[in-house]
Amino acid sequence: MRRDTRLTVGKEYGEVYSRGGSVANRELALYFLKKESDVTRAGTSISRRVGTAVVRNRIKRLIKESFRKNEARIKEGYDLVFIARHAAKGKSFHEVEKAFIDVLSKAGLLREER
């Protein structure tokens, strides 16, 4: 993920948590907040309870790759925080990407396909 598409400061995460909406499925939870910017930024959060550092980093990489691959389909001007749940542990890329798209569609953040 490019630096301009990432949430980098804890204060930004806190703002999304406190002022934004949320949706979830079995593997991921998504917090989202509409911003004035025309850039959609994303961040990830994973509890230590999900697994070891190796497991958590793998899940983060899968979420980031899902964001990179589907960035053009996501509406502009949102801050997104993806929280991996325990069910994401051991999933393949395609399963994580499917969960990723599912939470975005539940939140209404996917653009209309032409």
Protein backbone atom coordinates (compact mmCIF):
# COMPACT_ATOMS: atom_id res chain seq x y z
CA MET A 1 0.00 0.00 0.00
CA ARG A 2 1.27 3.45 -0.86
CA ARG A 3 1.88 5.81 2.03
CA ASP A 4 -0.92 8.16 0.97
CA THR A 5 -3.46 5.31 1.14
CA ARG A 6 -2.56 4.20 4.69
CA LEU A 7 -3.74 5.28 8.10
CA THR A 8 -0.51 5.89 9.99
CA VAL A 9 -1.30 7.51 13.34
CA GLY A 10 -3.24 6.07 16.28
CA LYS A 11 -5.35 9.23 16.44
CA GLU A 12 -6.66 8.50 12.92
CA TYR A 13 -7.69 4.99 13.97
CA GLY A 14 -9.41 6.38 17.08
CA GLU A 15 -11.39 8.87 15.01
CA VAL A 16 -12.64 6.11 12.70
CA TYR A 17 -13.60 3.92 15.69
CA SER A 18 -15.43 6.68 17.55
CA ARG A 19 -17.15 8.58 14.73
CA GLY A 20 -17.54 5.94 12.00
CA GLY A 21 -19.86 3.08 11.23
CA SER A 22 -19.07 -0.61 11.28
CA VAL A 23 -19.99 -3.88 9.59
CA ALA A 24 -18.59 -7.37 10.00
CA ASN A 25 -18.57 -10.91 8.77
CA ARG A 26 -16.97 -14.05 10.18
CA GLU A 27 -13.39 -13.19 9.13
CA LEU A 28 -13.24 -9.36 9.17
CA ALA A 29 -14.76 -6.34 10.83
CA LEU A 30 -14.72 -2.99 9.03
CA TYR A 31 -14.93 0.47 10.57
CA PHE A 32 -15.41 3.29 8.05
CA LEU A 33 -15.67 7.06 8.15
CA LYS A 34 -16.46 9.51 5.32
CA LYS A 35 -13.81 12.22 4.96
CA GLU A 36 -13.51 15.42 2.90
CA SER A 37 -10.50 14.03 1.01
CA ASP A 38 -10.76 12.33 -2.38
CA VAL A 39 -8.37 9.56 -1.27
CA THR A 40 -9.51 6.39 0.45
CA ARG A 41 -7.10 5.32 3.18
CA ALA A 42 -7.00 1.96 4.94
CA GLY A 43 -5.41 0.45 8.02
CA THR A 44 -5.39 -2.96 9.65
CA SER A 45 -5.63 -4.10 13.24
CA ILE A 46 -5.16 -7.62 14.57
CA SER A 47 -5.26 -8.76 18.17
CA ARG A 48 -2.52 -10.94 19.59
CA ARG A 49 -5.22 -13.48 20.37
CA VAL A 50 -5.48 -14.29 16.67
CA GLY A 51 -2.05 -15.92 16.62
CA THR A 52 1.70 -15.50 16.57
CA ALA A 53 3.41 -12.58 14.85
CA VAL A 54 3.95 -14.72 11.75
CA VAL A 55 0.23 -15.50 11.50
CA ARG A 56 -0.81 -11.88 12.16
CA ASN A 57 1.62 -10.49 9.59
CA ARG A 58 0.42 -12.95 6.96
CA ILE A 59 -3.19 -11.88 7.51
CA LYS A 60 -2.15 -8.22 7.28
CA ARG A 61 -0.36 -8.89 3.99
CA LEU A 62 -3.46 -10.62 2.59
CA ILE A 63 -5.71 -7.70 3.61
CA LYS A 64 -3.30 -5.14 2.13
CA GLU A 65 -3.08 -7.08 -1.13
CA SER A 66 -6.88 -7.30 -1.26
CA PHE A 67 -7.02 -3.52 -0.84
CA ARG A 68 -4.40 -2.97 -3.55
CA LYS A 69 -6.17 -5.27 -6.00
CA ASN A 70 -9.63 -3.80 -5.41
CA GLU A 71 -8.73 -0.17 -4.76
CA ALA A 72 -10.34 1.01 -8.00
CA ARG A 73 -13.69 -0.56 -6.96
CA ILE A 74 -13.85 1.28 -3.60
CA LYS A 75 -15.57 4.67 -3.32
CA GLU A 76 -13.27 7.65 -2.69
CA GLY A 77 -13.03 9.74 0.43
CA TYR A 78 -13.22 7.15 3.21
CA ASP A 79 -10.95 6.06 6.04
CA LEU A 80 -11.21 2.29 6.54
CA VAL A 81 -9.97 0.10 9.39
CA PHE A 82 -10.03 -3.65 8.81
CA ILE A 83 -9.93 -5.80 11.95
CA ALA A 84 -9.04 -9.43 11.42
CA ARG A 85 -10.94 -11.95 13.49
CA HIS A 86 -9.77 -15.36 14.63
CA ALA A 87 -11.62 -17.05 11.73
CA ALA A 88 -9.22 -15.36 9.26
CA LYS A 89 -6.37 -17.48 10.58
CA GLY A 90 -5.23 -20.03 8.01
CA LYS A 91 -7.44 -18.72 5.19
CA SER A 92 -6.18 -18.53 1.62
CA PHE A 93 -5.83 -15.24 -0.24
CA HIS A 94 -9.03 -15.84 -2.19
CA GLU A 95 -11.01 -16.49 1.00
CA VAL A 96 -9.67 -13.32 2.63
CA GLU A 97 -10.35 -11.31 -0.53
CA LYS A 98 -13.93 -12.64 -0.62
CA ALA A 99 -14.43 -11.59 3.03
CA PHE A 100 -12.85 -8.21 2.21
CA ILE A 101 -15.27 -7.57 -0.66
CA ASP A 102 -18.19 -8.82 1.45
CA VAL A 103 -17.64 -6.28 4.26
CA LEU A 104 -17.16 -3.47 1.73
CA SER A 105 -20.44 -4.35 0.00
CA LYS A 106 -22.26 -4.56 3.35
CA ALA A 107 -21.00 -1.05 4.10
CA GLY A 108 -22.07 0.17 0.66
CA LEU A 109 -18.55 1.24 -0.25
CA LEU A 110 -18.21 -0.55 -3.59
CA ARG A 111 -18.77 1.37 -6.78
CA GLU A 112 -21.43 0.27 -9.21
CA GLU A 113 -19.97 -2.07 -11.82
CA ARG A 114 -20.52 -1.17 -15.46
